[in-house]
C-alpha atoms as a PDB file:
ATOM      1  CA  MET A   1     -11.105  -4.827   8.258  1.00  0.00           C
ATOM      2  CA  ILE A   2      -8.580  -3.575  10.737  1.00  0.00           C
ATOM      3  CA  THR A   3      -9.457  -4.629  14.293  1.00  0.00           C
ATOM      4  CA  ARG A   4      -9.179  -1.345  16.138  1.00  0.00           C
ATOM      5  CA  LEU A   5      -8.595  -1.403  19.904  1.00  0.00           C
ATOM      6  CA  LEU A   6      -9.340   1.574  22.156  1.00  0.00           C
ATOM      7  CA  PHE A   7      -6.178   3.450  23.113  1.00  0.00           C
ATOM      8  CA  THR A   8      -6.156   3.683  26.933  1.00  0.00           C
ATOM      9  CA  ALA A   9      -2.623   4.615  28.006  1.00  0.00           C
ATOM     10  CA  GLY A  10      -2.818   8.182  29.321  1.00  0.00           C
ATOM     11  CA  PHE A  11       0.883   8.848  28.918  1.00  0.00           C
ATOM     12  CA  CYS A  12       0.744   7.977  25.231  1.00  0.00           C
ATOM     13  CA  LEU A  13      -2.316  10.171  24.797  1.00  0.00           C
ATOM     14  CA  ILE A  14      -0.391  13.088  26.271  1.00  0.00           C
ATOM     15  CA  SER A  15       2.552  12.318  23.997  1.00  0.00           C
ATOM     16  CA  PHE A  16       0.265  12.204  20.966  1.00  0.00           C
ATOM     17  CA  PHE A  17      -1.381  15.541  21.646  1.00  0.00           C
ATOM     18  CA  SER A  18       1.967  17.167  22.406  1.00  0.00           C
ATOM     19  CA  SER A  19       3.254  15.906  19.064  1.00  0.00           C
ATOM     20  CA  ALA A  20       0.115  17.090  17.287  1.00  0.00           C
ATOM     21  CA  GLN A  21       0.727  20.581  18.606  1.00  0.00           C
ATOM     22  CA  SER A  22       4.338  20.704  17.448  1.00  0.00           C
ATOM     23  CA  GLU A  23       3.947  19.013  14.059  1.00  0.00           C
ATOM     24  CA  THR A  24       1.176  19.414  11.509  1.00  0.00           C
ATOM     25  CA  PRO A  25      -0.442  16.297   9.953  1.00  0.00           C
ATOM     26  CA  LEU A  26       0.996  17.231   6.546  1.00  0.00           C
ATOM     27  CA  ALA A  27       4.512  17.609   7.964  1.00  0.00           C
ATOM     28  CA  TYR A  28       4.152  14.217   9.654  1.00  0.00           C
ATOM     29  CA  VAL A  29       3.116  12.516   6.406  1.00  0.00           C
ATOM     30  CA  GLN A  30       6.022  14.176   4.600  1.00  0.00           C
ATOM     31  CA  ARG A  31       8.449  12.939   7.257  1.00  0.00           C
ATOM     32  CA  VAL A  32       7.164   9.373   6.936  1.00  0.00           C
ATOM     33  CA  LYS A  33       7.392   9.596   3.143  1.00  0.00           C
ATOM     34  CA  LYS A  34      10.962  10.926   3.314  1.00  0.00           C
ATOM     35  CA  GLN A  35      12.020   7.972   5.447  1.00  0.00           C
ATOM     36  CA  ALA A  36      10.333   5.472   3.096  1.00  0.00           C
ATOM     37  CA  LEU A  37      12.413   6.828   0.230  1.00  0.00           C
ATOM     38  CA  THR A  38      15.665   6.020   2.064  1.00  0.00           C
ATOM     39  CA  TYR A  39      15.146   2.240   2.046  1.00  0.00           C
ATOM     40  CA  SER A  40      17.377   0.315  -0.350  1.00  0.00           C
ATOM     41  CA  ASP A  41      14.789  -2.464  -0.592  1.00  0.00           C
ATOM     42  CA  GLN A  42      11.441  -3.426   0.924  1.00  0.00           C
ATOM     43  CA  LYS A  43       9.565  -6.673   1.550  1.00  0.00           C
ATOM     44  CA  ILE A  44       5.953  -6.275   2.663  1.00  0.00           C
ATOM     45  CA  GLY A  45       3.228  -8.745   3.565  1.00  0.00           C
ATOM     46  CA  PHE A  46      -0.256  -7.248   3.470  1.00  0.00           C
ATOM     47  CA  THR A  47      -3.990  -7.796   3.468  1.00  0.00           C
ATOM     48  CA  SER A  48      -6.408  -5.939   1.226  1.00  0.00           C
ATOM     49  CA  VAL A  49     -10.088  -5.587   2.125  1.00  0.00           C
ATOM     50  CA  LEU A  50     -12.687  -4.238  -0.282  1.00  0.00           C
ATOM     51  CA  ASP A  51     -15.997  -3.293   1.371  1.00  0.00           C
ATOM     52  CA  ALA A  52     -18.695  -2.273  -1.114  1.00  0.00           C
ATOM     53  CA  PRO A  53     -22.464  -1.698  -1.203  1.00  0.00           C
ATOM     54  CA  GLY A  54     -24.411  -4.804  -2.207  1.00  0.00           C
ATOM     55  CA  ARG A  55     -27.996  -5.745  -2.883  1.00  0.00           C
ATOM     56  CA  ASN A  56     -30.847  -4.952  -0.473  1.00  0.00           C
ATOM     57  CA  GLY A  57     -28.683  -2.584   1.544  1.00  0.00           C
ATOM     58  CA  GLN A  58     -26.195  -5.304   2.453  1.00  0.00           C
ATOM     59  CA  ARG A  59     -22.432  -4.797   2.376  1.00  0.00           C
ATOM     60  CA  VAL A  60     -20.131  -7.108   0.415  1.00  0.00           C
ATOM     61  CA  GLN A  61     -16.589  -7.739   1.615  1.00  0.00           C
ATOM     62  CA  ARG A  62     -13.712  -9.292  -0.259  1.00  0.00           C
ATOM     63  CA  LYS A  63     -10.416  -9.960   1.495  1.00  0.00           C
ATOM     64  CA  THR A  64      -7.145 -10.952  -0.114  1.00  0.00           C
ATOM     65  CA  SER A  65      -3.556 -11.155   1.048  1.00  0.00           C
ATOM     66  CA  GLY A  66      -0.251 -10.888  -0.716  1.00  0.00           C
ATOM     67  CA  GLU A  67       3.398  -9.921  -0.647  1.00  0.00           C
ATOM     68  CA  VAL A  68       5.418  -7.330  -2.489  1.00  0.00           C
ATOM     69  CA  TRP A  69       9.170  -7.011  -2.932  1.00  0.00           C
ATOM     70  CA  VAL A  70      10.684  -3.710  -4.080  1.00  0.00           C
ATOM     71  CA  LYS A  71      14.244  -3.042  -5.235  1.00  0.00           C
ATOM     72  CA  GLY A  72      15.052   0.228  -6.974  1.00  0.00           C
ATOM     73  CA  GLU A  73      12.742   0.697  -9.962  1.00  0.00           C
ATOM     74  CA  SER A  74      11.593  -2.936  -9.967  1.00  0.00           C
ATOM     75  CA  ALA A  75       8.952  -4.745  -7.915  1.00  0.00           C
ATOM     76  CA  LYS A  76       7.357  -8.184  -7.588  1.00  0.00           C
ATOM     77  CA  LEU A  77       3.815  -8.622  -6.307  1.00  0.00           C
ATOM     78  CA  VAL A  78       2.278 -11.991  -5.372  1.00  0.00           C
ATOM     79  CA  LEU A  79      -1.511 -11.803  -5.154  1.00  0.00           C
ATOM     80  CA  GLN A  80      -4.383 -14.262  -5.623  1.00  0.00           C
ATOM     81  CA  GLY A  81      -2.173 -17.010  -7.011  1.00  0.00           C
ATOM     82  CA  GLN A  82      -0.552 -14.778  -9.606  1.00  0.00           C
ATOM     83  CA  THR A  83       2.843 -13.077  -9.685  1.00  0.00           C
ATOM     84  CA  PHE A  84       3.244  -9.592 -11.137  1.00  0.00           C
ATOM     85  CA  PHE A  85       6.604  -8.114 -12.111  1.00  0.00           C
ATOM     86  CA  PHE A  86       6.846  -4.328 -12.555  1.00  0.00           C
ATOM     87  CA  LYS A  87       9.731  -2.666 -14.368  1.00  0.00           C
ATOM     88  CA  SER A  88      10.142   0.399 -16.582  1.00  0.00           C
ATOM     89  CA  GLY A  89       6.449   0.945 -17.218  1.00  0.00           C
ATOM     90  CA  VAL A  90       5.761  -2.729 -18.026  1.00  0.00           C
ATOM     91  CA  VAL A  91       3.969  -5.349 -15.934  1.00  0.00           C
ATOM     92  CA  THR A  92       4.527  -9.058 -16.567  1.00  0.00           C
ATOM     93  CA  THR A  93       1.839 -11.318 -15.102  1.00  0.00           C
ATOM     94  CA  VAL A  94       2.459 -15.017 -14.469  1.00  0.00           C
ATOM     95  CA  SER A  95      -0.670 -17.155 -13.985  1.00  0.00           C
ATOM     96  CA  PRO A  96       0.121 -20.814 -13.168  1.00  0.00           C
ATOM     97  CA  GLU A  97      -3.587 -21.688 -13.248  1.00  0.00           C
ATOM     98  CA  ASP A  98      -3.864 -20.491 -16.850  1.00  0.00           C
ATOM     99  CA  GLU A  99      -0.292 -21.542 -17.716  1.00  0.00           C
ATOM    100  CA  GLU A 100       0.094 -18.089 -19.177  1.00  0.00           C
ATOM    101  CA  ILE A 101       2.546 -15.176 -19.073  1.00  0.00           C
ATOM    102  CA  THR A 102       1.167 -11.805 -20.149  1.00  0.00           C
ATOM    103  CA  VAL A 103       3.153  -8.623 -20.756  1.00  0.00           C
ATOM    104  CA  ARG A 104       1.493  -5.229 -21.006  1.00  0.00           C
ATOM    105  CA  LYS A 105       2.396  -1.588 -20.748  1.00  0.00           C
ATOM    106  CA  LEU A 106       1.602   0.232 -17.549  1.00  0.00           C
ATOM    107  CA  ASN A 107       1.142   3.923 -16.873  1.00  0.00           C
ATOM    108  CA  GLY A 108       3.953   4.871 -14.486  1.00  0.00           C
ATOM    109  CA  ASP A 109       6.502   2.494 -12.970  1.00  0.00           C
ATOM    110  CA  ALA A 110       6.952   0.091 -10.076  1.00  0.00           C
ATOM    111  CA  ASN A 111       7.389   2.910  -7.577  1.00  0.00           C
ATOM    112  CA  GLN A 112       3.701   3.788  -7.787  1.00  0.00           C
ATOM    113  CA  TYR A 113       3.010   0.665  -5.709  1.00  0.00           C
ATOM    114  CA  THR A 114       5.386   1.529  -2.852  1.00  0.00           C
ATOM    115  CA  PRO A 115       4.406   3.054   0.516  1.00  0.00           C
ATOM    116  CA  ALA A 116       6.272   6.260  -0.386  1.00  0.00           C
ATOM    117  CA  VAL A 117       3.988   6.871  -3.349  1.00  0.00           C
ATOM    118  CA  LEU A 118       0.880   5.837  -1.411  1.00  0.00           C
ATOM    119  CA  LEU A 119       1.860   8.471   1.143  1.00  0.00           C
ATOM    120  CA  GLY A 120       2.389  11.096  -1.521  1.00  0.00           C
ATOM    121  CA  LYS A 121      -0.596  10.212  -3.687  1.00  0.00           C
ATOM    122  CA  TYR A 122      -2.790  12.902  -2.154  1.00  0.00           C
ATOM    123  CA  GLU A 123      -0.066  15.074  -0.697  1.00  0.00           C
ATOM    124  CA  LYS A 124      -1.054  17.981  -2.905  1.00  0.00           C
ATOM    125  CA  ASN A 125      -4.543  19.447  -3.147  1.00  0.00           C
ATOM    126  CA  SER A 126      -5.785  17.785   0.052  1.00  0.00           C
ATOM    127  CA  SER A 127      -6.708  18.968   3.532  1.00  0.00           C
ATOM    128  CA  PHE A 128      -5.046  17.100   6.403  1.00  0.00           C
ATOM    129  CA  ALA A 129      -6.165  16.393   9.980  1.00  0.00           C
ATOM    130  CA  TRP A 130      -5.193  14.138  12.854  1.00  0.00           C
ATOM    131  CA  ALA A 131      -7.560  11.147  13.108  1.00  0.00           C
ATOM    132  CA  GLY A 132      -6.563   9.683  16.469  1.00  0.00           C
ATOM    133  CA  THR A 133      -4.190   7.082  17.852  1.00  0.00           C
ATOM    134  CA  GLU A 134      -4.864   3.420  18.617  1.00  0.00           C
ATOM    135  CA  THR A 135      -2.942   0.434  19.930  1.00  0.00           C
ATOM    136  CA  ILE A 136      -3.153  -2.471  17.502  1.00  0.00           C
ATOM    137  CA  ALA A 137      -1.312  -5.748  18.143  1.00  0.00           C
ATOM    138  CA  GLY A 138       1.013  -3.963  20.537  1.00  0.00           C
ATOM    139  CA  LYS A 139       1.810  -1.172  18.091  1.00  0.00           C
ATOM    140  CA  THR A 140       0.904   2.480  18.552  1.00  0.00           C
ATOM    141  CA  ILE A 141      -0.686   3.613  15.289  1.00  0.00           C
ATOM    142  CA  LYS A 142      -1.239   7.294  14.562  1.00  0.00           C
ATOM    143  CA  PHE A 143      -3.895   8.088  11.961  1.00  0.00           C
ATOM    144  CA  VAL A 144      -4.000  11.025   9.567  1.00  0.00           C
ATOM    145  CA  SER A 145      -7.032  11.803   7.409  1.00  0.00           C
ATOM    146  CA  MET A 146      -6.700  13.422   4.001  1.00  0.00           C
ATOM    147  CA  ILE A 147      -9.643  14.891   2.129  1.00  0.00           C
ATOM    148  CA  PRO A 148      -8.798  15.420  -1.550  1.00  0.00           C
ATOM    149  CA  LYS A 149     -10.087  18.623  -3.086  1.00  0.00           C
ATOM    150  CA  ASN A 150     -12.129  18.325  -6.273  1.00  0.00           C
ATOM    151  CA  ASP A 151     -11.625  14.551  -6.588  1.00  0.00           C
ATOM    152  CA  PRO A 152     -14.728  13.096  -8.300  1.00  0.00           C
ATOM    153  CA  ASP A 153     -14.144   9.580  -6.957  1.00  0.00           C
ATOM    154  CA  VAL A 154     -12.339   9.698  -3.596  1.00  0.00           C
ATOM    155  CA  ALA A 155     -14.005  11.278  -0.550  1.00  0.00           C
ATOM    156  CA  LYS A 156     -11.393  10.557   2.111  1.00  0.00           C
ATOM    157  CA  VAL A 157      -8.090   8.765   2.707  1.00  0.00           C
ATOM    158  CA  ILE A 158      -6.882   7.623   6.129  1.00  0.00           C
ATOM    159  CA  LEU A 159      -3.245   6.726   6.712  1.00  0.00           C
ATOM    160  CA  GLY A 160      -2.095   4.676   9.694  1.00  0.00           C
ATOM    161  CA  VAL A 161       1.556   5.025  10.738  1.00  0.00           C
ATOM    162  CA  ASP A 162       3.536   2.988  13.266  1.00  0.00           C
ATOM    163  CA  THR A 163       4.825   5.723  15.592  1.00  0.00           C
ATOM    164  CA  LYS A 164       7.891   3.680  16.650  1.00  0.00           C
ATOM    165  CA  THR A 165       9.229   2.855  13.196  1.00  0.00           C
ATOM    166  CA  LEU A 166       7.511   5.607  11.153  1.00  0.00           C
ATOM    167  CA  LYS A 167       6.503   2.909   8.672  1.00  0.00           C
ATOM    168  CA  LEU A 168       3.149   2.910   6.931  1.00  0.00           C
ATOM    169  CA  TYR A 169       0.757   0.510   8.679  1.00  0.00           C
ATOM    170  CA  SER A 170      -2.473   1.009   6.755  1.00  0.00           C
ATOM    171  CA  PHE A 171      -3.974   2.906   3.846  1.00  0.00           C
ATOM    172  CA  THR A 172      -7.759   3.312   3.647  1.00  0.00           C
ATOM    173  CA  GLU A 173      -9.503   4.933   0.695  1.00  0.00           C
ATOM    174  CA  GLU A 174     -13.184   5.831   0.967  1.00  0.00           C
ATOM    175  CA  ALA A 175     -14.928   6.400  -2.360  1.00  0.00           C
ATOM    176  CA  ARG A 176     -17.904   8.657  -2.946  1.00  0.00           C
ATOM    177  CA  ASN A 177     -19.950   5.665  -4.118  1.00  0.00           C
ATOM    178  CA  GLY A 178     -19.722   4.079  -0.654  1.00  0.00           C
ATOM    179  CA  THR A 179     -16.894   1.657  -1.421  1.00  0.00           C
ATOM    180  CA  LYS A 180     -14.040   1.406   1.074  1.00  0.00           C
ATOM    181  CA  SER A 181     -10.706  -0.296   0.417  1.00  0.00           C
ATOM    182  CA  THR A 182      -8.099  -0.890   3.121  1.00  0.00           C
ATOM    183  CA  VAL A 183      -4.550  -2.162   2.748  1.00  0.00           C
ATOM    184  CA  THR A 184      -2.890  -3.241   6.014  1.00  0.00           C
ATOM    185  CA  MET A 185       0.802  -4.091   6.321  1.00  0.00           C
ATOM    186  CA  LEU A 186       1.194  -7.355   8.235  1.00  0.00           C
ATOM    187  CA  SER A 187       4.974  -7.325   7.948  1.00  0.00           C
ATOM    188  CA  TYR A 188       7.314  -4.634   6.690  1.00  0.00           C
ATOM    189  CA  GLU A 189      11.007  -5.476   6.295  1.00  0.00           C
ATOM    190  CA  THR A 190      13.533  -3.060   4.860  1.00  0.00           C
ATOM    191  CA  ASN A 191      17.200  -3.063   3.804  1.00  0.00           C
ATOM    192  CA  LYS A 192      17.412  -6.870   3.708  1.00  0.00           C
ATOM    193  CA  GLY A 193      19.829  -7.070   0.793  1.00  0.00           C
ATOM    194  CA  LEU A 194      17.356  -7.910  -1.954  1.00  0.00           C
ATOM    195  CA  THR A 195      18.861  -8.068  -5.445  1.00  0.00           C
ATOM    196  CA  THR A 196      17.347  -7.510  -8.869  1.00  0.00           C
ATOM    197  CA  ASN A 197      17.177 -11.309  -9.251  1.00  0.00           C
ATOM    198  CA  ASP A 198      14.630 -11.339  -6.416  1.00  0.00           C
ATOM    199  CA  VAL A 199      12.233  -8.940  -8.129  1.00  0.00           C
ATOM    200  CA  GLU A 200      12.742  -9.156 -11.890  1.00  0.00           C
ATOM    201  CA  PHE A 201      11.016 -11.519 -14.316  1.00  0.00           C
ATOM    202  CA  LYS A 202      13.064 -14.292 -15.924  1.00  0.00           C
ATOM    203  CA  ARG A 203      11.411 -16.494 -18.530  1.00  0.00           C
ATOM    204  CA  SER A 204      13.680 -19.419 -17.645  1.00  0.00           C
ATOM    205  CA  ASN A 205      12.132 -19.625 -14.163  1.00  0.00           C
ATOM    206  CA  TYR A 206       8.811 -20.849 -15.607  1.00  0.00           C
ATOM    207  CA  PRO A 207       7.774 -23.915 -17.635  1.00  0.00           C
ATOM    208  CA  ALA A 208       8.383 -23.715 -21.368  1.00  0.00           C
ATOM    209  CA  ASN A 209       4.783 -24.702 -22.098  1.00  0.00           C
ATOM    210  CA  TYR A 210       3.412 -21.471 -20.557  1.00  0.00           C
ATOM    211  CA  GLU A 211       1.908 -19.329 -23.303  1.00  0.00           C
ATOM    212  CA  TYR A 212       3.784 -16.041 -23.633  1.00  0.00           C
ATOM    213  CA  ILE A 213       1.643 -13.084 -24.675  1.00  0.00           C
ATOM    214  CA  ALA A 214       3.376  -9.773 -25.284  1.00  0.00           C
ATOM    215  CA  PRO A 215       2.460  -6.597 -27.209  1.00  0.00           C
ATOM    216  CA  LYS A 216       3.833  -6.380 -30.710  1.00  0.00           C
ATOM    217  CA  VAL A 217       6.747  -4.030 -31.174  1.00  0.00           C
ATOM    218  CA  GLN A 218       5.718  -1.120 -33.398  1.00  0.00           C
END
């Protein structure tokens, strides 16, 4: 989970509340989303923590880390020893442990995994509120809570934004069944000159003995 430190700098508190008065939480989220859409490419290192109810009232936590590269409509995700390539509604999964390459159709496209779409996921049909400011690892993070209306699964979403860069820092989703998932950006580089070769799947980059499983063309 995110290690949250108490925000003690009075000047920054004053700045935060002044900002809160002049800009609504929804307008702030929209401004951050607009900036995210201007990046030509993105390279993000992150951690993902799943905290769920377990047996005998205990909580069960599972933490993973990964990296994602995004260029245009294509993306590459490295997670739990596997590499996922997203392009045009198709995800190609490479599993070295299984010596297997699997191709399957995906609802949507690679952009649904970018910060811009995470920011806009609940933009409509949600109520917004400021959720405080904290200093984490030297960064001032402003939090916005979103409560989706009429969502049967999600009770609340909390976004953390780096106030200096206006980049997404964290995304926490609290489910009605008591499960909480948090994605935290450890590094967030943009406009680094990534090319399609950096993010698109090429069969020649992997051993010929890997089994290739793809849906049959109708």
